[in-house]
Amino acid sequence: MFRFPLFVIAVLAAAVVLVAPVAADSGVTVARLTSAGWTCFMPPPAPNRIVCGNPALGLPAVPADPNGPAAYSFLTFDRTTGGLLGATHMIRADLYQGQPCPQLGGLYTFNPLNGYYRCEVY
C-alpha cells in the first residue's frame, strides 16, 4: 500500500526533471499539443494560464469520480506569452497519503470539485 504513492512520486519527479526542460527546448506549444489530441483549457480560477492534459487520460470528472484514474499529469502554459510554466500532478484523494510534493517539499492541495490532490511544479 505504501509503495504505490512512492512510485507515483518517483514518476512525477522524473517527468518534471526530464520533460519540462525537453519540452521547452523542443518547442512544445499549446497548438502542437492540441493538434496531437491533447485537451487544453483555461481553468476558471486562473484565466492567465492554459492547462493541457494528455489524450490517454483526458480530464478529471466534475463532480469527483471515486473510480477515476489514480493520477493525472498536466503541462501548464502562460496564456499571454505561450511559454511553458511547468507541470501539475494530481493524485486521487483515496490514494493520497500525505506525501510531499516532489521538487517543492510542500503538501499537495485538495480540490473538492474533482476529488484529487494537486501539486504544481513551476
PDB file of N, CA and C in Angstrom:
ATOM      1  N   MET A   1       0.827  -1.189   0.000  1.00  0.00           N
ATOM      2  CA  MET A   1       0.000   0.000   0.000  1.00  0.00           C
ATOM      3  C   MET A   1       0.869   1.249   0.000  1.00  0.00           C
ATOM      4  N   PHE A   2       1.988   1.246   0.663  1.00  0.00           N
ATOM      5  CA  PHE A   2       2.863   2.396   0.750  1.00  0.00           C
ATOM      6  C   PHE A   2       3.699   2.566  -0.512  1.00  0.00           C
ATOM      7  N   ARG A   3       3.947   1.489  -1.240  1.00  0.00           N
ATOM      8  CA  ARG A   3       4.805   1.539  -2.419  1.00  0.00           C
ATOM      9  C   ARG A   3       4.196   2.334  -3.557  1.00  0.00           C
ATOM     10  N   PHE A   4       2.865   2.234  -3.749  1.00  0.00           N
ATOM     11  CA  PHE A   4       2.244   2.918  -4.871  1.00  0.00           C
ATOM     12  C   PHE A   4       2.448   4.432  -4.819  1.00  0.00           C
ATOM     13  N   PRO A   5       2.172   5.110  -3.683  1.00  0.00           N
ATOM     14  CA  PRO A   5       2.406   6.562  -3.645  1.00  0.00           C
ATOM     15  C   PRO A   5       3.866   6.923  -3.891  1.00  0.00           C
ATOM     16  N   LEU A   6       4.799   6.120  -3.396  1.00  0.00           N
ATOM     17  CA  LEU A   6       6.206   6.403  -3.651  1.00  0.00           C
ATOM     18  C   LEU A   6       6.523   6.266  -5.131  1.00  0.00           C
ATOM     19  N   PHE A   7       5.926   5.282  -5.772  1.00  0.00           N
ATOM     20  CA  PHE A   7       6.107   5.096  -7.207  1.00  0.00           C
ATOM     21  C   PHE A   7       5.583   6.314  -7.965  1.00  0.00           C
ATOM     22  N   VAL A   8       4.396   6.794  -7.593  1.00  0.00           N
ATOM     23  CA  VAL A   8       3.811   7.970  -8.247  1.00  0.00           C
ATOM     24  C   VAL A   8       4.717   9.180  -8.074  1.00  0.00           C
ATOM     25  N   ILE A   9       5.261   9.373  -6.876  1.00  0.00           N
ATOM     26  CA  ILE A   9       6.162  10.498  -6.621  1.00  0.00           C
ATOM     27  C   ILE A   9       7.418  10.371  -7.486  1.00  0.00           C
ATOM     28  N   ALA A  10       7.970   9.169  -7.557  1.00  0.00           N
ATOM     29  CA  ALA A  10       9.183   8.963  -8.358  1.00  0.00           C
ATOM     30  C   ALA A  10       8.927   9.246  -9.825  1.00  0.00           C
ATOM     31  N   VAL A  11       7.783   8.801 -10.343  1.00  0.00           N
ATOM     32  CA  VAL A  11       7.452   9.041 -11.748  1.00  0.00           C
ATOM     33  C   VAL A  11       7.269  10.531 -12.005  1.00  0.00           C
ATOM     34  N   LEU A  12       6.563  11.217 -11.115  1.00  0.00           N
ATOM     35  CA  LEU A  12       6.358  12.658 -11.287  1.00  0.00           C
ATOM     36  C   LEU A  12       7.676  13.410 -11.232  1.00  0.00           C
ATOM     37  N   ALA A  13       8.520  13.073 -10.273  1.00  0.00           N
ATOM     38  CA  ALA A  13       9.805  13.751 -10.162  1.00  0.00           C
ATOM     39  C   ALA A  13      10.630  13.557 -11.423  1.00  0.00           C
ATOM     40  N   ALA A  14      10.652  12.351 -11.940  1.00  0.00           N
ATOM     41  CA  ALA A  14      11.398  12.086 -13.181  1.00  0.00           C
ATOM     42  C   ALA A  14      10.794  12.852 -14.344  1.00  0.00           C
ATOM     43  N   ALA A  15       9.465  12.905 -14.412  1.00  0.00           N
ATOM     44  CA  ALA A  15       8.809  13.613 -15.514  1.00  0.00           C
ATOM     45  C   ALA A  15       9.112  15.105 -15.466  1.00  0.00           C
ATOM     46  N   VAL A  16       9.060  15.678 -14.280  1.00  0.00           N
ATOM     47  CA  VAL A  16       9.321  17.113 -14.151  1.00  0.00           C
ATOM     48  C   VAL A  16      10.769  17.424 -14.505  1.00  0.00           C
ATOM     49  N   VAL A  17      11.685  16.616 -14.021  1.00  0.00           N
ATOM     50  CA  VAL A  17      13.102  16.856 -14.284  1.00  0.00           C
ATOM     51  C   VAL A  17      13.438  16.641 -15.754  1.00  0.00           C
ATOM     52  N   LEU A  18      12.862  15.626 -16.362  1.00  0.00           N
ATOM     53  CA  LEU A  18      13.209  15.287 -17.741  1.00  0.00           C
ATOM     54  C   LEU A  18      12.329  15.959 -18.779  1.00  0.00           C
ATOM     55  N   VAL A  19      11.027  16.034 -18.541  1.00  0.00           N
ATOM     56  CA  VAL A  19      10.110  16.522 -19.564  1.00  0.00           C
ATOM     57  C   VAL A  19      10.093  18.042 -19.659  1.00  0.00           C
ATOM     58  N   ALA A  20      10.072  18.743 -18.552  1.00  0.00           N
ATOM     59  CA  ALA A  20       9.962  20.199 -18.612  1.00  0.00           C
ATOM     60  C   ALA A  20      11.101  20.834 -19.397  1.00  0.00           C
ATOM     61  N   PRO A  21      12.377  20.505 -19.136  1.00  0.00           N
ATOM     62  CA  PRO A  21      13.432  21.110 -19.937  1.00  0.00           C
ATOM     63  C   PRO A  21      13.377  20.678 -21.404  1.00  0.00           C
ATOM     64  N   VAL A  22      13.053  19.426 -21.649  1.00  0.00           N
ATOM     65  CA  VAL A  22      12.959  18.950 -23.032  1.00  0.00           C
ATOM     66  C   VAL A  22      11.814  19.647 -23.742  1.00  0.00           C
ATOM     67  N   ALA A  23      10.682  19.796 -23.026  1.00  0.00           N
ATOM     68  CA  ALA A  23       9.527  20.453 -23.629  1.00  0.00           C
ATOM     69  C   ALA A  23       9.881  21.878 -24.036  1.00  0.00           C
ATOM     70  N   ALA A  24      10.578  22.600 -23.192  1.00  0.00           N
ATOM     71  CA  ALA A  24      10.938  23.979 -23.512  1.00  0.00           C
ATOM     72  C   ALA A  24      11.905  24.036 -24.684  1.00  0.00           C
ATOM     73  N   ASP A  25      12.870  23.116 -24.715  1.00  0.00           N
ATOM     74  CA  ASP A  25      13.861  23.115 -25.781  1.00  0.00           C
ATOM     75  C   ASP A  25      13.300  22.652 -27.109  1.00  0.00           C
ATOM     76  N   SER A  26      12.307  21.764 -27.089  1.00  0.00           N
ATOM     77  CA  SER A  26      11.805  21.211 -28.337  1.00  0.00           C
ATOM     78  C   SER A  26      10.639  22.002 -28.904  1.00  0.00           C
ATOM     79  N   GLY A  27      10.282  23.085 -28.271  1.00  0.00           N
ATOM     80  CA  GLY A  27       9.234  23.938 -28.808  1.00  0.00           C
ATOM     81  C   GLY A  27       7.833  23.412 -28.585  1.00  0.00           C
ATOM     82  N   VAL A  28       7.585  22.753 -27.461  1.00  0.00           N
ATOM     83  CA  VAL A  28       6.237  22.299 -27.164  1.00  0.00           C
ATOM     84  C   VAL A  28       5.365  23.526 -26.955  1.00  0.00           C
ATOM     85  N   THR A  29       4.266  23.550 -27.660  1.00  0.00           N
ATOM     86  CA  THR A  29       3.328  24.672 -27.562  1.00  0.00           C
ATOM     87  C   THR A  29       1.920  24.127 -27.376  1.00  0.00           C
ATOM     88  N   VAL A  30       1.025  24.996 -26.984  1.00  0.00           N
ATOM     89  CA  VAL A  30      -0.378  24.627 -26.840  1.00  0.00           C
ATOM     90  C   VAL A  30      -0.910  24.150 -28.196  1.00  0.00           C
ATOM     91  N   ALA A  31      -0.559  24.847 -29.267  1.00  0.00           N
ATOM     92  CA  ALA A  31      -1.038  24.466 -30.603  1.00  0.00           C
ATOM     93  C   ALA A  31      -0.556  23.074 -30.996  1.00  0.00           C
ATOM     94  N   ARG A  32       0.700  22.768 -30.709  1.00  0.00           N
ATOM     95  CA  ARG A  32       1.220  21.437 -31.041  1.00  0.00           C
ATOM     96  C   ARG A  32       0.536  20.346 -30.225  1.00  0.00           C
ATOM     97  N   LEU A  33       0.348  20.608 -28.944  1.00  0.00           N
ATOM     98  CA  LEU A  33      -0.318  19.613 -28.103  1.00  0.00           C
ATOM     99  C   LEU A  33      -1.760  19.400 -28.553  1.00  0.00           C
ATOM    100  N   THR A  34      -2.461  20.484 -28.846  1.00  0.00           N
ATOM    101  CA  THR A  34      -3.845  20.383 -29.301  1.00  0.00           C
ATOM    102  C   THR A  34      -3.935  19.586 -30.598  1.00  0.00           C
ATOM    103  N   SER A  35      -3.022  19.850 -31.528  1.00  0.00           N
ATOM    104  CA  SER A  35      -3.048  19.113 -32.797  1.00  0.00           C
ATOM    105  C   SER A  35      -2.689  17.636 -32.601  1.00  0.00           C
ATOM    106  N   ALA A  36      -2.035  17.309 -31.493  1.00  0.00           N
ATOM    107  CA  ALA A  36      -1.686  15.924 -31.189  1.00  0.00           C
ATOM    108  C   ALA A  36      -2.771  15.237 -30.355  1.00  0.00           C
ATOM    109  N   GLY A  37      -3.891  15.922 -30.131  1.00  0.00           N
ATOM    110  CA  GLY A  37      -5.006  15.311 -29.425  1.00  0.00           C
ATOM    111  C   GLY A  37      -5.119  15.637 -27.952  1.00  0.00           C
ATOM    112  N   TRP A  38      -4.223  16.485 -27.441  1.00  0.00           N
ATOM    113  CA  TRP A  38      -4.307  16.882 -26.036  1.00  0.00           C
ATOM    114  C   TRP A  38      -5.499  17.813 -25.849  1.00  0.00           C
ATOM    115  N   THR A  39      -6.063  17.822 -24.645  1.00  0.00           N
ATOM    116  CA  THR A  39      -7.142  18.731 -24.294  1.00  0.00           C
ATOM    117  C   THR A  39      -6.537  19.904 -23.539  1.00  0.00           C
ATOM    118  N   CYS A  40      -6.702  21.102 -24.076  1.00  0.00           N
ATOM    119  CA  CYS A  40      -6.162  22.309 -23.434  1.00  0.00           C
ATOM    120  C   CYS A  40      -7.322  23.240 -23.101  1.00  0.00           C
ATOM    121  N   PHE A  41      -7.248  23.867 -21.940  1.00  0.00           N
ATOM    122  CA  PHE A  41      -8.322  24.756 -21.493  1.00  0.00           C
ATOM    123  C   PHE A  41      -7.768  25.801 -20.540  1.00  0.00           C
ATOM    124  N   MET A  42      -8.571  26.858 -20.324  1.00  0.00           N
ATOM    125  CA  MET A  42      -8.232  27.883 -19.344  1.00  0.00           C
ATOM    126  C   MET A  42      -9.043  27.604 -18.086  1.00  0.00           C
ATOM    127  N   PRO A  43      -8.388  27.232 -16.989  1.00  0.00           N
ATOM    128  CA  PRO A  43      -9.145  26.964 -15.764  1.00  0.00           C
ATOM    129  C   PRO A  43      -9.741  28.260 -15.216  1.00  0.00           C
ATOM    130  N   PRO A  44     -11.019  28.239 -14.836  1.00  0.00           N
ATOM    131  CA  PRO A  44     -11.681  29.469 -14.366  1.00  0.00           C
ATOM    132  C   PRO A  44     -10.936  30.215 -13.262  1.00  0.00           C
ATOM    133  N   PRO A  45     -10.330  29.521 -12.275  1.00  0.00           N
ATOM    134  CA  PRO A  45      -9.662  30.308 -11.231  1.00  0.00           C
ATOM    135  C   PRO A  45      -8.342  30.923 -11.689  1.00  0.00           C
ATOM    136  N   ALA A  46      -7.829  30.521 -12.855  1.00  0.00           N
ATOM    137  CA  ALA A  46      -6.546  31.041 -13.337  1.00  0.00           C
ATOM    138  C   ALA A  46      -6.641  31.344 -14.834  1.00  0.00           C
ATOM    139  N   PRO A  47      -7.373  32.402 -15.213  1.00  0.00           N
ATOM    140  CA  PRO A  47      -7.572  32.687 -16.641  1.00  0.00           C
ATOM    141  C   PRO A  47      -6.303  33.106 -17.381  1.00  0.00           C
ATOM    142  N   ASN A  48      -5.208  33.339 -16.658  1.00  0.00           N
ATOM    143  CA  ASN A  48      -3.946  33.702 -17.304  1.00  0.00           C
ATOM    144  C   ASN A  48      -3.128  32.465 -17.670  1.00  0.00           C
ATOM    145  N   ARG A  49      -3.689  31.273 -17.439  1.00  0.00           N
ATOM    146  CA  ARG A  49      -2.980  30.031 -17.722  1.00  0.00           C
ATOM    147  C   ARG A  49      -3.775  29.172 -18.698  1.00  0.00           C
ATOM    148  N   ILE A  50      -3.056  28.314 -19.400  1.00  0.00           N
ATOM    149  CA  ILE A  50      -3.667  27.277 -20.222  1.00  0.00           C
ATOM    150  C   ILE A  50      -3.105  25.951 -19.726  1.00  0.00           C
ATOM    151  N   VAL A  51      -3.994  25.032 -19.418  1.00  0.00           N
ATOM    152  CA  VAL A  51      -3.609  23.726 -18.893  1.00  0.00           C
ATOM    153  C   VAL A  51      -3.930  22.677 -19.950  1.00  0.00           C
ATOM    154  N   CYS A  52      -2.958  21.783 -20.216  1.00  0.00           N
ATOM    155  CA  CYS A  52      -3.137  20.751 -21.233  1.00  0.00           C
ATOM    156  C   CYS A  52      -2.982  19.367 -20.613  1.00  0.00           C
ATOM    157  N   GLY A  53      -3.975  18.510 -20.874  1.00  0.00           N
ATOM    158  CA  GLY A  53      -3.952  17.129 -20.393  1.00  0.00           C
ATOM    159  C   GLY A  53      -3.808  16.172 -21.556  1.00  0.00           C
ATOM    160  N   ASN A  54      -3.053  15.107 -21.348  1.00  0.00           N
ATOM    161  CA  ASN A  54      -2.793  14.177 -22.451  1.00  0.00           C
ATOM    162  C   ASN A  54      -4.048  13.401 -22.839  1.00  0.00           C
ATOM    163  N   PRO A  55      -4.127  12.987 -24.106  1.00  0.00           N
ATOM    164  CA  PRO A  55      -5.338  12.337 -24.602  1.00  0.00           C
ATOM    165  C   PRO A  55      -5.596  10.960 -24.005  1.00  0.00           C
ATOM    166  N   ALA A  56      -4.596  10.328 -23.428  1.00  0.00           N
ATOM    167  CA  ALA A  56      -4.794   8.996 -22.865  1.00  0.00           C
ATOM    168  C   ALA A  56      -5.693   9.024 -21.630  1.00  0.00           C
ATOM    169  N   LEU A  57      -5.654  10.119 -20.863  1.00  0.00           N
ATOM    170  CA  LEU A  57      -6.435  10.198 -19.631  1.00  0.00           C
ATOM    171  C   LEU A  57      -7.569  11.209 -19.681  1.00  0.00           C
ATOM    172  N   GLY A  58      -7.468  12.204 -20.531  1.00  0.00           N
ATOM    173  CA  GLY A  58      -8.481  13.243 -20.539  1.00  0.00           C
ATOM    174  C   GLY A  58      -8.360  14.128 -19.316  1.00  0.00           C
ATOM    175  N   LEU A  59      -9.491  14.593 -18.825  1.00  0.00           N
ATOM    176  CA  LEU A  59      -9.527  15.480 -17.669  1.00  0.00           C
ATOM    177  C   LEU A  59     -10.303  14.823 -16.536  1.00  0.00           C
ATOM    178  N   PRO A  60     -10.010  15.196 -15.291  1.00  0.00           N
ATOM    179  CA  PRO A  60     -10.769  14.633 -14.166  1.00  0.00           C
ATOM    180  C   PRO A  60     -12.244  15.017 -14.265  1.00  0.00           C
ATOM    181  N   ALA A  61     -13.094  14.104 -13.858  1.00  0.00           N
ATOM    182  CA  ALA A  61     -14.535  14.354 -13.883  1.00  0.00           C
ATOM    183  C   ALA A  61     -14.932  15.329 -12.782  1.00  0.00           C
ATOM    184  N   VAL A  62     -15.932  16.147 -13.072  1.00  0.00           N
ATOM    185  CA  VAL A  62     -16.548  17.020 -12.080  1.00  0.00           C
ATOM    186  C   VAL A  62     -18.043  16.758 -12.176  1.00  0.00           C
ATOM    187  N   PRO A  63     -18.679  16.278 -11.106  1.00  0.00           N
ATOM    188  CA  PRO A  63     -18.115  16.039  -9.785  1.00  0.00           C
ATOM    189  C   PRO A  63     -17.160  14.850  -9.779  1.00  0.00           C
ATOM    190  N   ALA A  64     -16.498  14.674  -8.645  1.00  0.00           N
ATOM    191  CA  ALA A  64     -15.466  13.657  -8.495  1.00  0.00           C
ATOM    192  C   ALA A  64     -15.983  12.254  -8.806  1.00  0.00           C
ATOM    193  N   ASP A  65     -15.151  11.472  -9.481  1.00  0.00           N
ATOM    194  CA  ASP A  65     -15.435  10.069  -9.773  1.00  0.00           C
ATOM    195  C   ASP A  65     -14.524   9.223  -8.885  1.00  0.00           C
ATOM    196  N   PRO A  66     -15.079   8.520  -7.901  1.00  0.00           N
ATOM    197  CA  PRO A  66     -14.229   7.739  -6.991  1.00  0.00           C
ATOM    198  C   PRO A  66     -13.483   6.604  -7.681  1.00  0.00           C
ATOM    199  N   ASN A  67     -13.883   6.264  -8.894  1.00  0.00           N
ATOM    200  CA  ASN A  67     -13.211   5.209  -9.653  1.00  0.00           C
ATOM    201  C   ASN A  67     -12.405   5.775 -10.814  1.00  0.00           C
ATOM    202  N   GLY A  68     -12.129   7.062 -10.786  1.00  0.00           N
ATOM    203  CA  GLY A  68     -11.352   7.695 -11.848  1.00  0.00           C
ATOM    204  C   GLY A  68      -9.905   7.224 -11.828  1.00  0.00           C
ATOM    205  N   PRO A  69      -9.117   7.668 -12.810  1.00  0.00           N
ATOM    206  CA  PRO A  69      -7.699   7.292 -12.845  1.00  0.00           C
ATOM    207  C   PRO A  69      -6.985   7.641 -11.540  1.00  0.00           C
ATOM    208  N   ALA A  70      -5.961   6.879 -11.224  1.00  0.00           N
ATOM    209  CA  ALA A  70      -5.200   7.092  -9.984  1.00  0.00           C
ATOM    210  C   ALA A  70      -4.512   8.451  -9.966  1.00  0.00           C
ATOM    211  N   ALA A  71      -4.047   8.902 -11.124  1.00  0.00           N
ATOM    212  CA  ALA A  71      -3.302  10.167 -11.182  1.00  0.00           C
ATOM    213  C   ALA A  71      -3.444  10.803 -12.555  1.00  0.00           C
ATOM    214  N   TYR A  72      -3.217  12.096 -12.586  1.00  0.00           N
ATOM    215  CA  TYR A  72      -3.179  12.871 -13.824  1.00  0.00           C
ATOM    216  C   TYR A  72      -1.914  13.725 -13.806  1.00  0.00           C
ATOM    217  N   SER A  73      -1.405  14.020 -14.974  1.00  0.00           N
ATOM    218  CA  SER A  73      -0.309  14.983 -15.118  1.00  0.00           C
ATOM    219  C   SER A  73      -0.666  15.949 -16.233  1.00  0.00           C
ATOM    220  N   PHE A  74      -0.372  17.214 -16.016  1.00  0.00           N
ATOM    221  CA  PHE A  74      -0.694  18.253 -16.981  1.00  0.00           C
ATOM    222  C   PHE A  74       0.523  19.143 -17.225  1.00  0.00           C
ATOM    223  N   LEU A  75       0.547  19.779 -18.373  1.00  0.00           N
ATOM    224  CA  LEU A  75       1.513  20.841 -18.646  1.00  0.00           C
ATOM    225  C   LEU A  75       0.751  22.155 -18.597  1.00  0.00           C
ATOM    226  N   THR A  76       1.366  23.179 -18.021  1.00  0.00           N
ATOM    227  CA  THR A  76       0.714  24.475 -17.868  1.00  0.00           C
ATOM    228  C   THR A  76       1.519  25.545 -18.588  1.00  0.00           C
ATOM    229  N   PHE A  77       0.805  26.387 -19.330  1.00  0.00           N
ATOM    230  CA  PHE A  77       1.412  27.448 -20.139  1.00  0.00           C
ATOM    231  C   PHE A  77       0.885  28.803 -19.718  1.00  0.00           C
ATOM    232  N   ASP A  78       1.700  29.827 -19.915  1.00  0.00           N
ATOM    233  CA  ASP A  78       1.274  31.208 -19.712  1.00  0.00           C
ATOM    234  C   ASP A  78       0.395  31.597 -20.902  1.00  0.00           C
ATOM    235  N   ARG A  79      -0.806  32.087 -20.632  1.00  0.00           N
ATOM    236  CA  ARG A  79      -1.744  32.421 -21.719  1.00  0.00           C
ATOM    237  C   ARG A  79      -1.242  33.591 -22.562  1.00  0.00           C
ATOM    238  N   THR A  80      -0.560  34.530 -21.956  1.00  0.00           N
ATOM    239  CA  THR A  80      -0.098  35.715 -22.671  1.00  0.00           C
ATOM    240  C   THR A  80       1.107  35.425 -23.559  1.00  0.00           C
ATOM    241  N   THR A  81       2.104  34.740 -23.009  1.00  0.00           N
ATOM    242  CA  THR A  81       3.343  34.505 -23.763  1.00  0.00           C
ATOM    243  C   THR A  81       3.375  33.160 -24.476  1.00  0.00           C
ATOM    244  N   GLY A  82       2.537  32.223 -24.018  1.00  0.00           N
ATOM    245  CA  GLY A  82       2.571  30.878 -24.576  1.00  0.00           C
ATOM    246  C   GLY A  82       3.693  30.029 -24.021  1.00  0.00           C
ATOM    247  N   GLY A  83       4.494  30.595 -23.120  1.00  0.00           N
ATOM    248  CA  GLY A  83       5.624  29.870 -22.549  1.00  0.00           C
ATOM    249  C   GLY A  83       5.194  28.782 -21.579  1.00  0.00           C
ATOM    250  N   LEU A  84       5.965  27.712 -21.554  1.00  0.00           N
ATOM    251  CA  LEU A  84       5.712  26.620 -20.630  1.00  0.00           C
ATOM    252  C   LEU A  84       6.040  27.073 -19.211  1.00  0.00           C
ATOM    253  N   LEU A  85       5.072  26.954 -18.302  1.00  0.00           N
ATOM    254  CA  LEU A  85       5.282  27.345 -16.907  1.00  0.00           C
ATOM    255  C   LEU A  85       5.760  26.174 -16.064  1.00  0.00           C
ATOM    256  N   GLY A  86       5.234  24.989 -16.320  1.00  0.00           N
ATOM    257  CA  GLY A  86       5.616  23.834 -15.524  1.00  0.00           C
ATOM    258  C   GLY A  86       4.622  22.712 -15.646  1.00  0.00           C
ATOM    259  N   ALA A  87       4.620  21.862 -14.633  1.00  0.00           N
ATOM    260  CA  ALA A  87       3.777  20.674 -14.641  1.00  0.00           C
ATOM    261  C   ALA A  87       2.908  20.631 -13.392  1.00  0.00           C
ATOM    262  N   THR A  88       1.760  19.994 -13.542  1.00  0.00           N
ATOM    263  CA  THR A  88       0.852  19.766 -12.428  1.00  0.00           C
ATOM    264  C   THR A  88       0.619  18.269 -12.325  1.00  0.00           C
ATOM    265  N   HIS A  89       0.687  17.758 -11.117  1.00  0.00           N
ATOM    266  CA  HIS A  89       0.411  16.342 -10.887  1.00  0.00           C
ATOM    267  C   HIS A  89      -0.745  16.248  -9.910  1.00  0.00           C
ATOM    268  N   MET A  90      -1.670  15.335 -10.182  1.00  0.00           N
ATOM    269  CA  MET A  90      -2.826  15.155  -9.314  1.00  0.00           C
ATOM    270  C   MET A  90      -2.942  13.687  -8.909  1.00  0.00           C
ATOM    271  N   ILE A  91      -3.253  13.450  -7.634  1.00  0.00           N
ATOM    272  CA  ILE A  91      -3.434  12.106  -7.100  1.00  0.00           C
ATOM    273  C   ILE A  91      -4.851  12.005  -6.537  1.00  0.00           C
ATOM    274  N   ARG A  92      -5.559  10.925  -6.894  1.00  0.00           N
ATOM    275  CA  ARG A  92      -6.912  10.709  -6.397  1.00  0.00           C
ATOM    276  C   ARG A  92      -6.901  10.696  -4.864  1.00  0.00           C
ATOM    277  N   ALA A  93      -7.918  11.285  -4.255  1.00  0.00           N
ATOM    278  CA  ALA A  93      -7.959  11.500  -2.803  1.00  0.00           C
ATOM    279  C   ALA A  93      -7.757  10.228  -1.987  1.00  0.00           C
ATOM    280  N   ASP A  94      -8.325   9.113  -2.424  1.00  0.00           N
ATOM    281  CA  ASP A  94      -8.197   7.896  -1.625  1.00  0.00           C
ATOM    282  C   ASP A  94      -6.795   7.298  -1.688  1.00  0.00           C
ATOM    283  N   LEU A  95      -5.964   7.770  -2.606  1.00  0.00           N
ATOM    284  CA  LEU A  95      -4.601   7.265  -2.740  1.00  0.00           C
ATOM    285  C   LEU A  95      -3.557   8.197  -2.129  1.00  0.00           C
ATOM    286  N   TYR A  96      -3.960   9.429  -1.864  1.00  0.00           N
ATOM    287  CA  TYR A  96      -3.018  10.392  -1.290  1.00  0.00           C
ATOM    288  C   TYR A  96      -2.778  10.056   0.178  1.00  0.00           C
ATOM    289  N   GLN A  97      -1.511   9.946   0.552  1.00  0.00           N
ATOM    290  CA  GLN A  97      -1.135   9.557   1.909  1.00  0.00           C
ATOM    291  C   GLN A  97      -0.351  10.644   2.642  1.00  0.00           C
ATOM    292  N   GLY A  98      -0.472  11.890   2.208  1.00  0.00           N
ATOM    293  CA  GLY A  98       0.214  12.982   2.872  1.00  0.00           C
ATOM    294  C   GLY A  98       1.640  13.197   2.413  1.00  0.00           C
ATOM    295  N   GLN A  99       2.041  12.525   1.334  1.00  0.00           N
ATOM    296  CA  GLN A  99       3.402  12.668   0.841  1.00  0.00           C
ATOM    297  C   GLN A  99       3.644  14.095   0.332  1.00  0.00           C
ATOM    298  N   PRO A 100       4.882  14.572   0.424  1.00  0.00           N
ATOM    299  CA  PRO A 100       5.184  15.927  -0.046  1.00  0.00           C
ATOM    300  C   PRO A 100       5.193  16.007  -1.559  1.00  0.00           C
ATOM    301  N   CYS A 101       4.990  17.201  -2.031  1.00  0.00           N
ATOM    302  CA  CYS A 101       5.041  17.491  -3.456  1.00  0.00           C
ATOM    303  C   CYS A 101       6.500  17.395  -3.910  1.00  0.00           C
ATOM    304  N   PRO A 102       6.804  16.575  -4.910  1.00  0.00           N
ATOM    305  CA  PRO A 102       8.189  16.472  -5.384  1.00  0.00           C
ATOM    306  C   PRO A 102       8.718  17.844  -5.821  1.00  0.00           C
ATOM    307  N   GLN A 103       9.977  18.055  -5.642  1.00  0.00           N
ATOM    308  CA  GLN A 103      10.677  19.277  -6.022  1.00  0.00           C
ATOM    309  C   GLN A 103      10.378  20.447  -5.101  1.00  0.00           C
ATOM    310  N   LEU A 104       9.183  20.521  -4.512  1.00  0.00           N
ATOM    311  CA  LEU A 104       8.825  21.667  -3.673  1.00  0.00           C
ATOM    312  C   LEU A 104       8.851  21.349  -2.191  1.00  0.00           C
ATOM    313  N   GLY A 105       8.544  20.106  -1.845  1.00  0.00           N
ATOM    314  CA  GLY A 105       8.557  19.706  -0.450  1.00  0.00           C
ATOM    315  C   GLY A 105       7.282  19.996   0.315  1.00  0.00           C
ATOM    316  N   GLY A 106       6.423  20.865  -0.205  1.00  0.00           N
ATOM    317  CA  GLY A 106       5.171  21.159   0.477  1.00  0.00           C
ATOM    318  C   GLY A 106       4.148  20.073   0.209  1.00  0.00           C
ATOM    319  N   LEU A 107       3.011  20.182   0.862  1.00  0.00           N
ATOM    320  CA  LEU A 107       1.956  19.193   0.675  1.00  0.00           C
ATOM    321  C   LEU A 107       1.138  19.493  -0.575  1.00  0.00           C
ATOM    322  N   TYR A 108       0.513  18.475  -1.103  1.00  0.00           N
ATOM    323  CA  TYR A 108      -0.451  18.651  -2.185  1.00  0.00           C
ATOM    324  C   TYR A 108      -1.649  19.416  -1.630  1.00  0.00           C
ATOM    325  N   THR A 109      -2.391  20.097  -2.472  1.00  0.00           N
ATOM    326  CA  THR A 109      -3.605  20.790  -2.040  1.00  0.00           C
ATOM    327  C   THR A 109      -4.816  20.071  -2.631  1.00  0.00           C
ATOM    328  N   PHE A 110      -5.876  19.989  -1.858  1.00  0.00           N
ATOM    329  CA  PHE A 110      -7.065  19.254  -2.279  1.00  0.00           C
ATOM    330  C   PHE A 110      -7.997  20.121  -3.097  1.00  0.00           C
ATOM    331  N   ASN A 111      -8.522  19.546  -4.177  1.00  0.00           N
ATOM    332  CA  ASN A 111      -9.526  20.208  -5.000  1.00  0.00           C
ATOM    333  C   ASN A 111     -10.836  19.434  -4.825  1.00  0.00           C
ATOM    334  N   PRO A 112     -11.788  19.974  -4.066  1.00  0.00           N
ATOM    335  CA  PRO A 112     -13.026  19.245  -3.803  1.00  0.00           C
ATOM    336  C   PRO A 112     -13.906  19.064  -5.041  1.00  0.00           C
ATOM    337  N   LEU A 113     -13.702  19.875  -6.072  1.00  0.00           N
ATOM    338  CA  LEU A 113     -14.524  19.742  -7.279  1.00  0.00           C
ATOM    339  C   LEU A 113     -14.268  18.438  -8.021  1.00  0.00           C
ATOM    340  N   ASN A 114     -12.993  18.003  -8.050  1.00  0.00           N
ATOM    341  CA  ASN A 114     -12.696  16.779  -8.795  1.00  0.00           C
ATOM    342  C   ASN A 114     -12.180  15.646  -7.904  1.00  0.00           C
ATOM    343  N   GLY A 115     -11.989  15.887  -6.618  1.00  0.00           N
ATOM    344  CA  GLY A 115     -11.592  14.842  -5.690  1.00  0.00           C
ATOM    345  C   GLY A 115     -10.134  14.431  -5.781  1.00  0.00           C
ATOM    346  N   TYR A 116      -9.274  15.299  -6.283  1.00  0.00           N
ATOM    347  CA  TYR A 116      -7.847  14.996  -6.415  1.00  0.00           C
ATOM    348  C   TYR A 116      -7.010  16.000  -5.619  1.00  0.00           C
ATOM    349  N   TYR A 117      -5.870  15.526  -5.149  1.00  0.00           N
ATOM    350  CA  TYR A 117      -4.869  16.403  -4.549  1.00  0.00           C
ATOM    351  C   TYR A 117      -3.931  16.859  -5.656  1.00  0.00           C
ATOM    352  N   ARG A 118      -3.538  18.125  -5.630  1.00  0.00           N
ATOM    353  CA  ARG A 118      -2.771  18.735  -6.720  1.00  0.00           C
ATOM    354  C   ARG A 118      -1.436  19.269  -6.234  1.00  0.00           C
ATOM    355  N   CYS A 119      -0.417  19.048  -7.048  1.00  0.00           N
ATOM    356  CA  CYS A 119       0.915  19.576  -6.818  1.00  0.00           C
ATOM    357  C   CYS A 119       1.335  20.295  -8.087  1.00  0.00           C
ATOM    358  N   GLU A 120       1.699  21.550  -7.976  1.00  0.00           N
ATOM    359  CA  GLU A 120       2.155  22.320  -9.140  1.00  0.00           C
ATOM    360  C   GLU A 120       3.635  22.586  -9.013  1.00  0.00           C
ATOM    361  N   VAL A 121       4.384  22.248 -10.045  1.00  0.00           N
ATOM    362  CA  VAL A 121       5.823  22.445 -10.049  1.00  0.00           C
ATOM    363  C   VAL A 121       6.158  23.436 -11.164  1.00  0.00           C
ATOM    364  N   TYR A 122       6.551  24.664 -10.755  1.00  0.00           N
ATOM    365  CA  TYR A 122       6.890  25.712 -11.730  1.00  0.00           C
ATOM    366  C   TYR A 122       8.291  26.184 -11.486  1.00  0.00           C
TER     367      TYR A 122
END
